[in-house]
Amino acid sequence: MVTKKICMLGSFSVGKTSMVARFVQSTFSEKYLTTVGVKVDKKVVQVGGQDLTLMVWDLAGDDDYQKLNMSLLRGSAGFIYVADGTRAASLDAVLDIDRRVRREVGHFPSVLALNKADLAAQWELGEDRLAALTAEGWSARKTSAKLAQGVEETFLDLASRLLHA
């Protein structure tokens, strides 16, 4: 069986941990618990008839006070970048993280989850910004860990990219 390490990257409180819990355990909690360092989970998925074990590394959020520890990315096969649709600045942070990752560790398959789609009325990210991301080559989808919207598809999209990379 093939095993691939993937990392969840983004700012604090964008929903990385909630997405992992929804994907791995099919659960969601309203409680906010800050990830300290890294939490590792795994799930076996089937892609194109092949079993693939995803080792999901949920990394602490990146911000002005605590920058992403690039050594944690060692051995990664791909990334899920997560931004909070209700905070446009979190997308800017993801784009900055992506630039740093590409510069320091290289280019890897990735997807972008624009999380908290259940709060659409509060979104700060317009359709024009999303279209621009797609035009730049991002595989981006709206997700809601709370409603299980797009979460499984996001992980499976990356899994497929990993098998065909």
Protein backbone atom coordinates (compact mmCIF):
# COMPACT_ATOMS: atom_id res chain seq x y z
CA MET A 1 0.00 0.00 0.00
CA VAL A 2 1.20 3.49 -0.84
CA THR A 3 1.52 6.02 2.00
CA LYS A 4 1.76 9.77 1.45
CA LYS A 5 2.35 12.57 3.94
CA ILE A 6 0.22 15.65 3.39
CA CYS A 7 0.29 18.87 5.40
CA MET A 8 -2.52 21.26 6.26
CA LEU A 9 -1.25 24.84 5.89
CA GLY A 10 -2.85 28.19 6.68
CA SER A 11 -3.38 30.85 9.32
CA PHE A 12 -4.78 30.28 12.79
CA SER A 13 -8.51 29.48 13.09
CA VAL A 14 -9.22 28.93 9.40
CA GLY A 15 -10.56 25.42 10.04
CA LYS A 16 -7.59 23.13 9.34
CA THR A 17 -8.23 20.95 12.40
CA SER A 18 -11.98 20.90 11.75
CA MET A 19 -11.39 19.76 8.18
CA VAL A 20 -9.12 16.95 9.37
CA ALA A 21 -11.65 15.85 12.01
CA ARG A 22 -14.42 15.87 9.41
CA PHE A 23 -12.32 13.90 6.93
CA VAL A 24 -10.79 11.33 9.30
CA GLN A 25 -13.52 10.89 11.94
CA SER A 26 -16.63 12.38 10.25
CA THR A 27 -17.03 14.74 13.22
CA PHE A 28 -17.28 18.48 13.81
CA SER A 29 -17.01 20.45 17.04
CA GLU A 30 -17.89 24.09 17.66
CA LYS A 31 -15.08 24.22 20.25
CA TYR A 32 -11.99 26.02 19.09
CA LEU A 33 -8.76 24.35 20.14
CA THR A 34 -5.51 25.84 18.92
CA THR A 35 -3.14 23.31 17.41
CA VAL A 36 0.20 23.46 19.15
CA GLY A 37 2.97 22.16 16.94
CA VAL A 38 1.55 19.32 14.87
CA LYS A 39 -1.14 16.65 15.15
CA VAL A 40 -0.93 13.61 12.90
CA ASP A 41 -3.90 11.52 11.73
CA LYS A 42 -4.25 8.92 9.01
CA LYS A 43 -6.92 7.64 6.71
CA VAL A 44 -6.95 5.06 3.95
CA VAL A 45 -8.72 6.24 0.79
CA GLN A 46 -9.29 4.57 -2.52
CA VAL A 47 -8.33 6.44 -5.67
CA GLY A 48 -8.79 4.86 -9.06
CA GLY A 49 -9.10 1.42 -7.48
CA GLN A 50 -5.87 1.83 -5.51
CA ASP A 51 -5.65 2.07 -1.71
CA LEU A 52 -3.67 5.07 -0.48
CA THR A 53 -2.85 5.87 3.14
CA LEU A 54 -2.84 9.59 3.80
CA MET A 55 -0.79 10.69 6.79
CA VAL A 56 -2.37 14.07 7.52
CA TRP A 57 -0.18 16.53 9.38
CA ASP A 58 -2.28 19.32 10.90
CA LEU A 59 0.27 22.08 11.51
CA ALA A 60 -0.14 25.03 13.85
CA GLY A 61 -1.36 28.16 12.10
CA ASP A 62 1.06 30.64 10.62
CA ASP A 63 0.91 34.28 11.75
CA ASP A 64 3.11 37.27 12.55
CA TYR A 65 4.19 35.74 15.87
CA GLN A 66 4.69 32.10 14.87
CA LYS A 67 5.96 31.31 11.40
CA LEU A 68 5.61 27.91 9.79
CA ASN A 69 8.44 25.57 10.74
CA MET A 70 9.63 24.47 7.30
CA SER A 71 11.40 21.41 8.72
CA LEU A 72 7.96 19.92 9.46
CA LEU A 73 7.35 19.76 5.71
CA ARG A 74 10.22 17.31 5.20
CA GLY A 75 8.93 14.16 3.50
CA SER A 76 5.67 15.76 2.38
CA ALA A 77 4.07 14.69 -0.86
CA GLY A 78 1.52 17.52 -1.02
CA PHE A 79 -0.36 20.26 0.78
CA ILE A 80 -3.87 21.40 1.48
CA TYR A 81 -3.87 25.15 1.93
CA VAL A 82 -6.83 26.40 3.97
CA ALA A 83 -8.23 29.94 3.99
CA ASP A 84 -11.30 31.26 5.82
CA GLY A 85 -13.77 32.76 3.35
CA THR A 86 -14.98 35.19 6.02
CA ARG A 87 -11.47 36.66 6.37
CA ALA A 88 -9.87 37.78 3.10
CA ALA A 89 -6.56 38.30 4.91
CA SER A 90 -6.36 34.54 5.49
CA LEU A 91 -6.20 33.99 1.73
CA ASP A 92 -3.39 36.54 1.46
CA ALA A 93 -1.61 34.61 4.23
CA VAL A 94 -2.03 31.32 2.31
CA LEU A 95 -0.54 32.87 -0.81
CA ASP A 96 2.38 34.12 1.26
CA ILE A 97 2.87 30.68 2.84
CA ASP A 98 2.81 29.11 -0.62
CA ARG A 99 5.52 31.51 -1.85
CA ARG A 100 7.72 30.68 1.16
CA VAL A 101 7.14 26.93 0.78
CA ARG A 102 8.00 27.00 -2.93
CA ARG A 103 11.13 29.04 -2.25
CA GLU A 104 12.38 26.91 0.66
CA VAL A 105 11.23 23.35 -0.07
CA GLY A 106 10.01 23.36 -3.68
CA HIS A 107 6.81 22.80 -5.59
CA PHE A 108 4.44 19.99 -4.55
CA PRO A 109 0.90 19.05 -5.56
CA SER A 110 -1.59 21.14 -3.63
CA VAL A 111 -5.21 22.19 -3.38
CA LEU A 112 -6.83 25.22 -1.81
CA ALA A 113 -9.80 24.89 0.52
CA LEU A 114 -11.81 28.08 0.97
CA ASN A 115 -13.42 27.07 4.23
CA LYS A 116 -16.52 28.19 6.11
CA ALA A 117 -18.84 28.13 3.09
CA ASP A 118 -21.69 27.71 5.57
CA LEU A 119 -21.14 31.37 6.49
CA ALA A 120 -21.60 32.61 2.90
CA ALA A 121 -23.41 35.79 3.99
CA GLN A 122 -20.25 36.83 5.87
CA TRP A 123 -17.75 36.00 3.12
CA GLU A 124 -15.16 38.59 2.18
CA LEU A 125 -13.90 36.60 -0.83
CA GLY A 126 -15.75 37.52 -4.00
CA GLU A 127 -16.26 35.34 -7.05
CA ASP A 128 -13.82 37.54 -8.99
CA ARG A 129 -11.03 36.68 -6.52
CA LEU A 130 -11.88 32.98 -6.79
CA ALA A 131 -11.86 33.17 -10.60
CA ALA A 132 -8.44 34.86 -10.48
CA LEU A 133 -7.08 32.01 -8.33
CA THR A 134 -8.34 29.45 -10.82
CA ALA A 135 -6.81 31.44 -13.67
CA GLU A 136 -3.47 31.34 -11.81
CA GLY A 137 -3.65 27.53 -11.73
CA TRP A 138 -4.99 26.92 -8.23
CA SER A 139 -7.31 23.99 -7.66
CA ALA A 140 -9.69 25.78 -5.29
CA ARG A 141 -13.00 24.73 -3.82
CA LYS A 142 -15.39 26.08 -1.24
CA THR A 143 -15.62 23.87 1.82
CA SER A 144 -17.49 23.69 5.09
CA ALA A 145 -16.14 21.37 7.76
CA LYS A 146 -19.30 22.06 9.73
CA LEU A 147 -21.63 20.85 6.96
CA ALA A 148 -19.16 18.33 5.45
CA GLN A 149 -19.33 20.29 2.19
CA GLY A 150 -16.39 19.72 -0.16
CA VAL A 151 -14.08 18.33 2.53
CA GLU A 152 -13.88 14.73 1.31
CA GLU A 153 -13.59 15.97 -2.28
CA THR A 154 -10.68 18.25 -1.35
CA PHE A 155 -8.69 15.40 0.20
CA LEU A 156 -9.53 13.04 -2.66
CA ASP A 157 -8.53 15.70 -5.23
CA LEU A 158 -5.11 15.95 -3.59
CA ALA A 159 -4.85 12.15 -3.26
CA SER A 160 -5.48 11.80 -6.98
CA ARG A 161 -2.84 14.41 -7.76
CA LEU A 162 -0.35 12.54 -5.55
CA LEU A 163 -0.86 9.28 -7.38
CA HIS A 164 -0.41 10.96 -10.75
CA ALA A 165 2.50 13.23 -9.79
